């Protein structure tokens, strides 16, 4: 029974980990398993057997949770891109008060404000200088076809996996939010779904084709989990407020970054209004759930 409970907790963390704006780390804290998971990660080499025994049910549950929700989210992005993006922005901004409390701007003062503003401006500059990201969702197809700069894409996929993993171990921070802001969330999501379809239909060619995206991303994810766990743990222990000030800058820039490239002028009024309502509701929901 205990093992099944751990798998179920892993499923919940996995579901939280794939929804932009929702923090799997925070959910792990609320369920009282965060410290146990971090300890297992940081002591994997010294306590290998016990660490693997601890991590396996949570890892199994996370894979199941992420895989099951991936299909639904991809369909929403295809059918209702603006409304879906606005809903996720609401989830992200809804956590702002809690993050602001963690940042403790009153204590950090000018140093904290400067950190927040710098991160905010950097994200806007990167987004605007990147131009129209309309072609980003087609990254998977171009990459699988051997088009474009393959080395550059591989490095981007490695870094996206690394960043996602680093964000996973910080309570209150959504790794998928960062992927979404980078423009890699939807391509990776689509690749995961094609991989799952390949498994369900016993299509080895499709399974192997998706490894061009999933392998570098997975390698970055594993490297990030094991290399960043101790670093982030130490960073939060020694410089928690400043770290969260930087995160606040990311959160404040998220509406512009996420909506950049979406043809809002071509979207019908019903989707715009419903998206705004969903954004307000999701922000309210996150605040109430704490």
C-alpha atoms as a PDB file:
ATOM      1  CA  UNK A   1       0.000   0.000   0.000  1.00  0.00           C
ATOM      2  CA  UNK A   2       2.826   2.393   0.875  1.00  0.00           C
ATOM      3  CA  UNK A   3       4.445   1.712  -2.514  1.00  0.00           C
ATOM      4  CA  UNK A   4       1.169   2.481  -4.335  1.00  0.00           C
ATOM      5  CA  UNK A   5       0.825   5.740  -2.379  1.00  0.00           C
ATOM      6  CA  UNK A   6       4.323   6.761  -3.468  1.00  0.00           C
ATOM      7  CA  UNK A   7       3.476   6.002  -7.117  1.00  0.00           C
ATOM      8  CA  UNK A   8       0.261   8.047  -6.793  1.00  0.00           C
ATOM      9  CA  UNK A   9       2.207  10.970  -5.320  1.00  0.00           C
ATOM     10  CA  UNK A  10       4.605  10.662  -8.240  1.00  0.00           C
ATOM     11  CA  UNK A  11       1.654  10.839 -10.669  1.00  0.00           C
ATOM     12  CA  UNK A  12       0.464  14.074  -9.046  1.00  0.00           C
ATOM     13  CA  UNK A  13       3.979  15.563  -9.204  1.00  0.00           C
ATOM     14  CA  UNK A  14       4.223  14.507 -12.862  1.00  0.00           C
ATOM     15  CA  UNK A  15       0.892  16.150 -13.714  1.00  0.00           C
ATOM     16  CA  UNK A  16       2.038  19.334 -11.959  1.00  0.00           C
ATOM     17  CA  UNK A  17       5.374  19.142 -13.762  1.00  0.00           C
ATOM     18  CA  UNK A  18       3.864  19.210 -17.251  1.00  0.00           C
ATOM     19  CA  UNK A  19       1.427  22.110 -16.713  1.00  0.00           C
ATOM     20  CA  UNK A  20       3.175  25.475 -17.254  1.00  0.00           C
ATOM     21  CA  UNK A  21       2.986  27.606 -14.132  1.00  0.00           C
ATOM     22  CA  UNK A  22       2.427  24.722 -11.733  1.00  0.00           C
ATOM     23  CA  UNK A  23       5.410  23.643  -9.653  1.00  0.00           C
ATOM     24  CA  UNK A  24       6.036  19.958  -9.116  1.00  0.00           C
ATOM     25  CA  UNK A  25       8.510  20.913  -6.381  1.00  0.00           C
ATOM     26  CA  UNK A  26       5.830  22.804  -4.466  1.00  0.00           C
ATOM     27  CA  UNK A  27       3.454  19.862  -4.690  1.00  0.00           C
ATOM     28  CA  UNK A  28       6.213  17.569  -3.401  1.00  0.00           C
ATOM     29  CA  UNK A  29       6.694  19.922  -0.436  1.00  0.00           C
ATOM     30  CA  UNK A  30       2.947  19.988   0.304  1.00  0.00           C
ATOM     31  CA  UNK A  31       2.827  16.173   0.290  1.00  0.00           C
ATOM     32  CA  UNK A  32       5.852  15.963   2.591  1.00  0.00           C
ATOM     33  CA  UNK A  33       8.122  14.052   0.193  1.00  0.00           C
ATOM     34  CA  UNK A  34      10.338  16.888  -1.121  1.00  0.00           C
ATOM     35  CA  UNK A  35      13.152  16.452   1.421  1.00  0.00           C
ATOM     36  CA  UNK A  36      13.164  12.679   0.924  1.00  0.00           C
ATOM     37  CA  UNK A  37      13.454  13.011  -2.883  1.00  0.00           C
ATOM     38  CA  UNK A  38      16.180  15.677  -2.712  1.00  0.00           C
ATOM     39  CA  UNK A  39      18.133  13.615  -0.174  1.00  0.00           C
ATOM     40  CA  UNK A  40      17.936  10.558  -2.452  1.00  0.00           C
ATOM     41  CA  UNK A  41      19.166  12.623  -5.436  1.00  0.00           C
ATOM     42  CA  UNK A  42      22.067  14.231  -3.576  1.00  0.00           C
ATOM     43  CA  UNK A  43      23.151  10.921  -1.998  1.00  0.00           C
ATOM     44  CA  UNK A  44      22.720   8.713  -5.062  1.00  0.00           C
ATOM     45  CA  UNK A  45      26.406   7.783  -5.193  1.00  0.00           C
ATOM     46  CA  UNK A  46      26.936   7.307  -1.469  1.00  0.00           C
ATOM     47  CA  UNK A  47      23.602   5.584  -0.759  1.00  0.00           C
ATOM     48  CA  UNK A  48      22.901   4.079  -4.172  1.00  0.00           C
ATOM     49  CA  UNK A  49      20.610   1.211  -3.215  1.00  0.00           C
ATOM     50  CA  UNK A  50      18.428   3.195  -0.828  1.00  0.00           C
ATOM     51  CA  UNK A  51      18.279   6.190  -3.173  1.00  0.00           C
ATOM     52  CA  UNK A  52      17.128   4.085  -6.144  1.00  0.00           C
ATOM     53  CA  UNK A  53      14.566   2.349  -3.916  1.00  0.00           C
ATOM     54  CA  UNK A  54      13.231   5.763  -2.862  1.00  0.00           C
ATOM     55  CA  UNK A  55      13.231   7.381  -6.311  1.00  0.00           C
ATOM     56  CA  UNK A  56      11.831   4.491  -8.390  1.00  0.00           C
ATOM     57  CA  UNK A  57       8.108   4.698  -7.401  1.00  0.00           C
ATOM     58  CA  UNK A  58       8.103   8.502  -7.663  1.00  0.00           C
ATOM     59  CA  UNK A  59       9.846   8.357 -11.036  1.00  0.00           C
ATOM     60  CA  UNK A  60       7.397   5.723 -12.294  1.00  0.00           C
ATOM     61  CA  UNK A  61       4.442   7.829 -11.199  1.00  0.00           C
ATOM     62  CA  UNK A  62       5.857  11.017 -12.728  1.00  0.00           C
ATOM     63  CA  UNK A  63       6.310   9.334 -16.120  1.00  0.00           C
ATOM     64  CA  UNK A  64       2.704   8.065 -16.010  1.00  0.00           C
ATOM     65  CA  UNK A  65       1.342  11.478 -14.981  1.00  0.00           C
ATOM     66  CA  UNK A  66       3.274  13.408 -17.617  1.00  0.00           C
ATOM     67  CA  UNK A  67       2.524  10.947 -20.398  1.00  0.00           C
ATOM     68  CA  UNK A  68      -1.198  10.830 -19.709  1.00  0.00           C
ATOM     69  CA  UNK A  69      -1.657  14.611 -19.731  1.00  0.00           C
ATOM     70  CA  UNK A  70       0.628  15.335 -22.693  1.00  0.00           C
ATOM     71  CA  UNK A  71      -1.997  14.387 -25.324  1.00  0.00           C
ATOM     72  CA  UNK A  72      -4.653  16.671 -23.822  1.00  0.00           C
ATOM     73  CA  UNK A  73      -2.371  19.709 -23.598  1.00  0.00           C
ATOM     74  CA  UNK A  74      -1.114  19.297 -27.174  1.00  0.00           C
ATOM     75  CA  UNK A  75      -4.691  19.220 -28.514  1.00  0.00           C
ATOM     76  CA  UNK A  76      -5.553  22.372 -26.549  1.00  0.00           C
ATOM     77  CA  UNK A  77      -2.568  24.221 -28.014  1.00  0.00           C
ATOM     78  CA  UNK A  78      -3.601  23.226 -31.547  1.00  0.00           C
ATOM     79  CA  UNK A  79      -7.323  24.004 -31.195  1.00  0.00           C
ATOM     80  CA  UNK A  80      -7.210  26.999 -28.815  1.00  0.00           C
ATOM     81  CA  UNK A  81      -3.654  28.402 -28.745  1.00  0.00           C
ATOM     82  CA  UNK A  82      -4.490  31.828 -27.291  1.00  0.00           C
ATOM     83  CA  UNK A  83      -6.993  30.634 -24.687  1.00  0.00           C
ATOM     84  CA  UNK A  84      -4.644  27.848 -23.581  1.00  0.00           C
ATOM     85  CA  UNK A  85      -1.676  30.228 -23.331  1.00  0.00           C
ATOM     86  CA  UNK A  86      -3.732  32.762 -21.351  1.00  0.00           C
ATOM     87  CA  UNK A  87      -4.865  30.021 -18.956  1.00  0.00           C
ATOM     88  CA  UNK A  88      -1.271  29.022 -18.319  1.00  0.00           C
ATOM     89  CA  UNK A  89      -0.297  32.674 -17.847  1.00  0.00           C
ATOM     90  CA  UNK A  90      -2.973  32.830 -15.146  1.00  0.00           C
ATOM     91  CA  UNK A  91      -1.450  29.784 -13.462  1.00  0.00           C
ATOM     92  CA  UNK A  92       1.968  31.451 -13.576  1.00  0.00           C
ATOM     93  CA  UNK A  93       0.857  34.871 -12.313  1.00  0.00           C
ATOM     94  CA  UNK A  94      -1.342  33.290  -9.637  1.00  0.00           C
ATOM     95  CA  UNK A  95       1.774  32.144  -7.830  1.00  0.00           C
ATOM     96  CA  UNK A  96       3.278  35.651  -7.832  1.00  0.00           C
ATOM     97  CA  UNK A  97       2.190  36.615  -4.276  1.00  0.00           C
ATOM     98  CA  UNK A  98       3.733  33.464  -2.798  1.00  0.00           C
ATOM     99  CA  UNK A  99       6.961  33.997  -4.753  1.00  0.00           C
ATOM    100  CA  UNK A 100       7.052  37.650  -3.710  1.00  0.00           C
ATOM    101  CA  UNK A 101       6.844  36.552  -0.087  1.00  0.00           C
ATOM    102  CA  UNK A 102       9.760  34.182  -0.658  1.00  0.00           C
ATOM    103  CA  UNK A 103      11.767  36.946  -2.350  1.00  0.00           C
ATOM    104  CA  UNK A 104      11.229  39.275   0.633  1.00  0.00           C
ATOM    105  CA  UNK A 105      11.903  42.445  -1.368  1.00  0.00           C
ATOM    106  CA  UNK A 106      11.600  44.540   1.777  1.00  0.00           C
ATOM    107  CA  UNK A 107      14.699  42.849   3.189  1.00  0.00           C
ATOM    108  CA  UNK A 108      16.734  42.469   0.002  1.00  0.00           C
ATOM    109  CA  UNK A 109      16.021  46.093  -0.946  1.00  0.00           C
ATOM    110  CA  UNK A 110      17.681  47.571  -4.021  1.00  0.00           C
ATOM    111  CA  UNK A 111      19.716  44.415  -4.655  1.00  0.00           C
ATOM    112  CA  UNK A 112      16.561  42.340  -4.950  1.00  0.00           C
ATOM    113  CA  UNK A 113      14.766  44.879  -7.165  1.00  0.00           C
ATOM    114  CA  UNK A 114      17.795  45.172  -9.459  1.00  0.00           C
ATOM    115  CA  UNK A 115      18.006  41.376  -9.808  1.00  0.00           C
ATOM    116  CA  UNK A 116      14.307  41.190 -10.672  1.00  0.00           C
ATOM    117  CA  UNK A 117      14.469  44.048 -13.213  1.00  0.00           C
ATOM    118  CA  UNK A 118      17.621  42.695 -14.896  1.00  0.00           C
ATOM    119  CA  UNK A 119      16.116  39.227 -15.372  1.00  0.00           C
ATOM    120  CA  UNK A 120      12.866  40.791 -16.614  1.00  0.00           C
ATOM    121  CA  UNK A 121      14.690  42.951 -19.189  1.00  0.00           C
ATOM    122  CA  UNK A 122      16.954  40.103 -20.325  1.00  0.00           C
ATOM    123  CA  UNK A 123      13.931  37.879 -21.027  1.00  0.00           C
ATOM    124  CA  UNK A 124      12.199  40.651 -22.995  1.00  0.00           C
ATOM    125  CA  UNK A 125      15.335  41.382 -25.039  1.00  0.00           C
ATOM    126  CA  UNK A 126      15.824  37.684 -25.841  1.00  0.00           C
ATOM    127  CA  UNK A 127      12.162  37.343 -26.838  1.00  0.00           C
ATOM    128  CA  UNK A 128      11.985  40.483 -29.002  1.00  0.00           C
ATOM    129  CA  UNK A 129      15.355  39.908 -30.670  1.00  0.00           C
ATOM    130  CA  UNK A 130      14.266  36.352 -31.468  1.00  0.00           C
ATOM    131  CA  UNK A 131      11.539  37.737 -33.704  1.00  0.00           C
ATOM    132  CA  UNK A 132       8.431  35.798 -34.587  1.00  0.00           C
ATOM    133  CA  UNK A 133       8.459  32.364 -32.983  1.00  0.00           C
ATOM    134  CA  UNK A 134       5.718  31.062 -35.246  1.00  0.00           C
ATOM    135  CA  UNK A 135       8.098  28.502 -36.733  1.00  0.00           C
ATOM    136  CA  UNK A 136       9.244  27.111 -33.396  1.00  0.00           C
ATOM    137  CA  UNK A 137       6.446  24.518 -33.115  1.00  0.00           C
ATOM    138  CA  UNK A 138       7.692  23.086 -36.435  1.00  0.00           C
ATOM    139  CA  UNK A 139      11.146  22.550 -34.966  1.00  0.00           C
ATOM    140  CA  UNK A 140      10.554  18.825 -34.492  1.00  0.00           C
ATOM    141  CA  UNK A 141       9.701  18.193 -38.128  1.00  0.00           C
ATOM    142  CA  UNK A 142      12.623  20.236 -39.451  1.00  0.00           C
ATOM    143  CA  UNK A 143      15.057  18.603 -37.067  1.00  0.00           C
ATOM    144  CA  UNK A 144      13.841  15.072 -37.778  1.00  0.00           C
ATOM    145  CA  UNK A 145      14.158  15.770 -41.498  1.00  0.00           C
ATOM    146  CA  UNK A 146      17.807  16.729 -41.006  1.00  0.00           C
ATOM    147  CA  UNK A 147      17.212  20.385 -41.865  1.00  0.00           C
ATOM    148  CA  UNK A 148      18.734  23.448 -40.212  1.00  0.00           C
ATOM    149  CA  UNK A 149      21.681  23.613 -37.827  1.00  0.00           C
ATOM    150  CA  UNK A 150      21.581  20.191 -36.171  1.00  0.00           C
ATOM    151  CA  UNK A 151      24.347  20.887 -33.616  1.00  0.00           C
ATOM    152  CA  UNK A 152      22.670  24.109 -32.513  1.00  0.00           C
ATOM    153  CA  UNK A 153      19.327  22.352 -32.016  1.00  0.00           C
ATOM    154  CA  UNK A 154      20.955  19.516 -30.057  1.00  0.00           C
ATOM    155  CA  UNK A 155      22.637  22.033 -27.732  1.00  0.00           C
ATOM    156  CA  UNK A 156      19.308  23.838 -27.275  1.00  0.00           C
ATOM    157  CA  UNK A 157      17.563  20.569 -26.440  1.00  0.00           C
ATOM    158  CA  UNK A 158      20.320  19.656 -23.962  1.00  0.00           C
ATOM    159  CA  UNK A 159      20.029  23.045 -22.298  1.00  0.00           C
ATOM    160  CA  UNK A 160      16.220  22.869 -22.201  1.00  0.00           C
ATOM    161  CA  UNK A 161      16.364  19.515 -20.398  1.00  0.00           C
ATOM    162  CA  UNK A 162      19.001  20.881 -18.022  1.00  0.00           C
ATOM    163  CA  UNK A 163      16.990  24.020 -17.223  1.00  0.00           C
ATOM    164  CA  UNK A 164      13.800  22.016 -16.714  1.00  0.00           C
ATOM    165  CA  UNK A 165      15.575  19.725 -14.263  1.00  0.00           C
ATOM    166  CA  UNK A 166      17.094  22.638 -12.345  1.00  0.00           C
ATOM    167  CA  UNK A 167      13.675  24.273 -12.013  1.00  0.00           C
ATOM    168  CA  UNK A 168      12.117  21.013 -10.796  1.00  0.00           C
ATOM    169  CA  UNK A 169      14.118  21.118  -7.555  1.00  0.00           C
ATOM    170  CA  UNK A 170      13.087  24.702  -6.705  1.00  0.00           C
ATOM    171  CA  UNK A 171       9.698  24.802  -4.958  1.00  0.00           C
ATOM    172  CA  UNK A 172       7.476  27.438  -6.546  1.00  0.00           C
ATOM    173  CA  UNK A 173       9.200  27.378  -9.936  1.00  0.00           C
ATOM    174  CA  UNK A 174       7.679  25.719 -13.000  1.00  0.00           C
ATOM    175  CA  UNK A 175      10.180  24.063 -15.335  1.00  0.00           C
ATOM    176  CA  UNK A 176       7.564  23.854 -18.087  1.00  0.00           C
ATOM    177  CA  UNK A 177       7.001  27.602 -17.744  1.00  0.00           C
ATOM    178  CA  UNK A 178      10.678  28.132 -18.587  1.00  0.00           C
ATOM    179  CA  UNK A 179      10.463  25.734 -21.552  1.00  0.00           C
ATOM    180  CA  UNK A 180       7.385  27.574 -22.767  1.00  0.00           C
ATOM    181  CA  UNK A 181       9.204  30.901 -22.557  1.00  0.00           C
ATOM    182  CA  UNK A 182      12.117  29.426 -24.517  1.00  0.00           C
ATOM    183  CA  UNK A 183       9.737  28.192 -27.238  1.00  0.00           C
ATOM    184  CA  UNK A 184      10.611  24.511 -26.737  1.00  0.00           C
ATOM    185  CA  UNK A 185       7.618  23.353 -24.701  1.00  0.00           C
ATOM    186  CA  UNK A 186       5.266  22.523 -27.581  1.00  0.00           C
ATOM    187  CA  UNK A 187       7.878  20.830 -29.836  1.00  0.00           C
ATOM    188  CA  UNK A 188       9.066  18.582 -26.996  1.00  0.00           C
ATOM    189  CA  UNK A 189       5.468  17.864 -25.970  1.00  0.00           C
ATOM    190  CA  UNK A 190       4.607  16.866 -29.550  1.00  0.00           C
ATOM    191  CA  UNK A 191       7.683  14.623 -29.705  1.00  0.00           C
ATOM    192  CA  UNK A 192       6.724  12.885 -26.449  1.00  0.00           C
ATOM    193  CA  UNK A 193       3.241  12.212 -27.833  1.00  0.00           C
ATOM    194  CA  UNK A 194       4.592  10.818 -31.122  1.00  0.00           C
ATOM    195  CA  UNK A 195       6.911   8.576 -29.108  1.00  0.00           C
ATOM    196  CA  UNK A 196       3.985   7.313 -27.025  1.00  0.00           C
ATOM    197  CA  UNK A 197       1.934   6.646 -30.157  1.00  0.00           C
ATOM    198  CA  UNK A 198       4.890   4.697 -31.551  1.00  0.00           C
ATOM    199  CA  UNK A 199       4.956   2.575 -28.390  1.00  0.00           C
ATOM    200  CA  UNK A 200       1.196   1.949 -28.425  1.00  0.00           C
ATOM    201  CA  UNK A 201       1.172   1.027 -32.135  1.00  0.00           C
ATOM    202  CA  UNK A 202       4.423  -0.981 -31.908  1.00  0.00           C
ATOM    203  CA  UNK A 203       6.049   1.237 -34.537  1.00  0.00           C
ATOM    204  CA  UNK A 204       9.852   0.956 -34.022  1.00  0.00           C
ATOM    205  CA  UNK A 205      10.628   3.456 -36.804  1.00  0.00           C
ATOM    206  CA  UNK A 206       8.583   6.186 -35.137  1.00  0.00           C
ATOM    207  CA  UNK A 207      10.058   5.346 -31.726  1.00  0.00           C
ATOM    208  CA  UNK A 208      13.620   5.626 -33.049  1.00  0.00           C
ATOM    209  CA  UNK A 209      12.870   8.798 -35.040  1.00  0.00           C
ATOM    210  CA  UNK A 210      11.791  10.679 -31.909  1.00  0.00           C
ATOM    211  CA  UNK A 211      15.055   9.828 -30.141  1.00  0.00           C
ATOM    212  CA  UNK A 212      16.723  12.642 -32.096  1.00  0.00           C
ATOM    213  CA  UNK A 213      14.753  15.016 -29.870  1.00  0.00           C
ATOM    214  CA  UNK A 214      14.102  12.988 -26.730  1.00  0.00           C
ATOM    215  CA  UNK A 215      17.640  11.654 -26.200  1.00  0.00           C
ATOM    216  CA  UNK A 216      19.429  15.043 -26.009  1.00  0.00           C
ATOM    217  CA  UNK A 217      16.562  16.489 -23.983  1.00  0.00           C
ATOM    218  CA  UNK A 218      16.614  13.470 -21.658  1.00  0.00           C
ATOM    219  CA  UNK A 219      20.402  13.668 -21.310  1.00  0.00           C
ATOM    220  CA  UNK A 220      20.115  17.318 -20.296  1.00  0.00           C
ATOM    221  CA  UNK A 221      17.331  16.402 -17.873  1.00  0.00           C
ATOM    222  CA  UNK A 222      19.385  13.693 -16.152  1.00  0.00           C
ATOM    223  CA  UNK A 223      22.473  15.898 -16.019  1.00  0.00           C
ATOM    224  CA  UNK A 224      20.415  18.739 -14.587  1.00  0.00           C
ATOM    225  CA  UNK A 225      18.825  16.559 -11.916  1.00  0.00           C
ATOM    226  CA  UNK A 226      22.105  15.184 -10.604  1.00  0.00           C
ATOM    227  CA  UNK A 227      24.328  18.229 -11.114  1.00  0.00           C
ATOM    228  CA  UNK A 228      21.854  20.899 -10.040  1.00  0.00           C
ATOM    229  CA  UNK A 229      20.243  19.239  -7.023  1.00  0.00           C
ATOM    230  CA  UNK A 230      23.117  20.085  -4.668  1.00  0.00           C
ATOM    231  CA  UNK A 231      23.806  23.439  -6.312  1.00  0.00           C
ATOM    232  CA  UNK A 232      20.198  24.607  -6.102  1.00  0.00           C
ATOM    233  CA  UNK A 233      19.888  23.232  -2.578  1.00  0.00           C
ATOM    234  CA  UNK A 234      22.930  25.293  -1.536  1.00  0.00           C
ATOM    235  CA  UNK A 235      21.747  28.359  -3.477  1.00  0.00           C
ATOM    236  CA  UNK A 236      18.371  28.350  -1.761  1.00  0.00           C
ATOM    237  CA  UNK A 237      20.042  27.840   1.599  1.00  0.00           C
ATOM    238  CA  UNK A 238      22.567  30.670   1.212  1.00  0.00           C
ATOM    239  CA  UNK A 239      20.794  33.115  -1.150  1.00  0.00           C
ATOM    240  CA  UNK A 240      17.113  32.187  -1.071  1.00  0.00           C
ATOM    241  CA  UNK A 241      15.679  35.711  -1.315  1.00  0.00           C
ATOM    242  CA  UNK A 242      17.889  36.832  -4.222  1.00  0.00           C
ATOM    243  CA  UNK A 243      17.199  33.575  -6.077  1.00  0.00           C
ATOM    244  CA  UNK A 244      13.461  34.169  -5.798  1.00  0.00           C
ATOM    245  CA  UNK A 245      13.912  37.804  -6.870  1.00  0.00           C
ATOM    246  CA  UNK A 246      15.338  36.483 -10.147  1.00  0.00           C
ATOM    247  CA  UNK A 247      12.401  34.083 -10.420  1.00  0.00           C
ATOM    248  CA  UNK A 248       9.988  37.022  -9.957  1.00  0.00           C
ATOM    249  CA  UNK A 249      11.612  38.678 -12.973  1.00  0.00           C
ATOM    250  CA  UNK A 250      10.931  35.542 -15.016  1.00  0.00           C
ATOM    251  CA  UNK A 251       7.309  35.406 -13.876  1.00  0.00           C
ATOM    252  CA  UNK A 252       6.660  39.086 -14.680  1.00  0.00           C
ATOM    253  CA  UNK A 253       8.061  38.664 -18.196  1.00  0.00           C
ATOM    254  CA  UNK A 254       6.084  35.477 -18.873  1.00  0.00           C
ATOM    255  CA  UNK A 255       2.933  37.079 -20.441  1.00  0.00           C
ATOM    256  CA  UNK A 256       4.966  38.836 -23.153  1.00  0.00           C
ATOM    257  CA  UNK A 257       7.296  35.896 -23.702  1.00  0.00           C
ATOM    258  CA  UNK A 258       4.527  33.279 -23.937  1.00  0.00           C
ATOM    259  CA  UNK A 259       2.187  35.319 -26.137  1.00  0.00           C
ATOM    260  CA  UNK A 260       4.975  36.544 -28.438  1.00  0.00           C
ATOM    261  CA  UNK A 261       4.369  35.205 -31.957  1.00  0.00           C
ATOM    262  CA  UNK A 262       0.736  34.164 -31.388  1.00  0.00           C
ATOM    263  CA  UNK A 263      -1.402  35.907 -34.063  1.00  0.00           C
ATOM    264  CA  UNK A 264      -3.876  37.515 -31.648  1.00  0.00           C
ATOM    265  CA  UNK A 265      -5.370  39.713 -34.401  1.00  0.00           C
ATOM    266  CA  UNK A 266      -6.433  36.561 -36.272  1.00  0.00           C
ATOM    267  CA  UNK A 267      -8.087  35.025 -33.205  1.00  0.00           C
ATOM    268  CA  UNK A 268     -11.866  35.235 -32.840  1.00  0.00           C
ATOM    269  CA  UNK A 269     -13.421  37.301 -30.060  1.00  0.00           C
ATOM    270  CA  UNK A 270     -14.934  34.273 -28.303  1.00  0.00           C
ATOM    271  CA  UNK A 271     -11.519  32.670 -27.779  1.00  0.00           C
ATOM    272  CA  UNK A 272     -10.034  35.968 -26.548  1.00  0.00           C
ATOM    273  CA  UNK A 273     -12.819  36.520 -24.006  1.00  0.00           C
ATOM    274  CA  UNK A 274     -12.832  32.880 -22.861  1.00  0.00           C
ATOM    275  CA  UNK A 275      -9.029  33.005 -22.565  1.00  0.00           C
ATOM    276  CA  UNK A 276      -9.175  36.103 -20.344  1.00  0.00           C
ATOM    277  CA  UNK A 277     -11.835  34.460 -18.155  1.00  0.00           C
ATOM    278  CA  UNK A 278      -9.753  31.271 -17.881  1.00  0.00           C
ATOM    279  CA  UNK A 279      -6.662  33.340 -17.041  1.00  0.00           C
ATOM    280  CA  UNK A 280      -8.477  35.130 -14.206  1.00  0.00           C
ATOM    281  CA  UNK A 281      -9.963  31.878 -12.893  1.00  0.00           C
ATOM    282  CA  UNK A 282      -6.664  29.952 -13.007  1.00  0.00           C
ATOM    283  CA  UNK A 283      -4.846  32.808 -11.231  1.00  0.00           C
ATOM    284  CA  UNK A 284      -7.557  32.856  -8.542  1.00  0.00           C
ATOM    285  CA  UNK A 285      -7.400  29.056  -8.208  1.00  0.00           C
ATOM    286  CA  UNK A 286      -3.619  29.020  -7.717  1.00  0.00           C
ATOM    287  CA  UNK A 287      -3.851  31.729  -5.059  1.00  0.00           C
ATOM    288  CA  UNK A 288      -6.554  29.836  -3.182  1.00  0.00           C
ATOM    289  CA  UNK A 289      -4.651  26.559  -3.369  1.00  0.00           C
ATOM    290  CA  UNK A 290      -1.524  28.326  -2.160  1.00  0.00           C
END
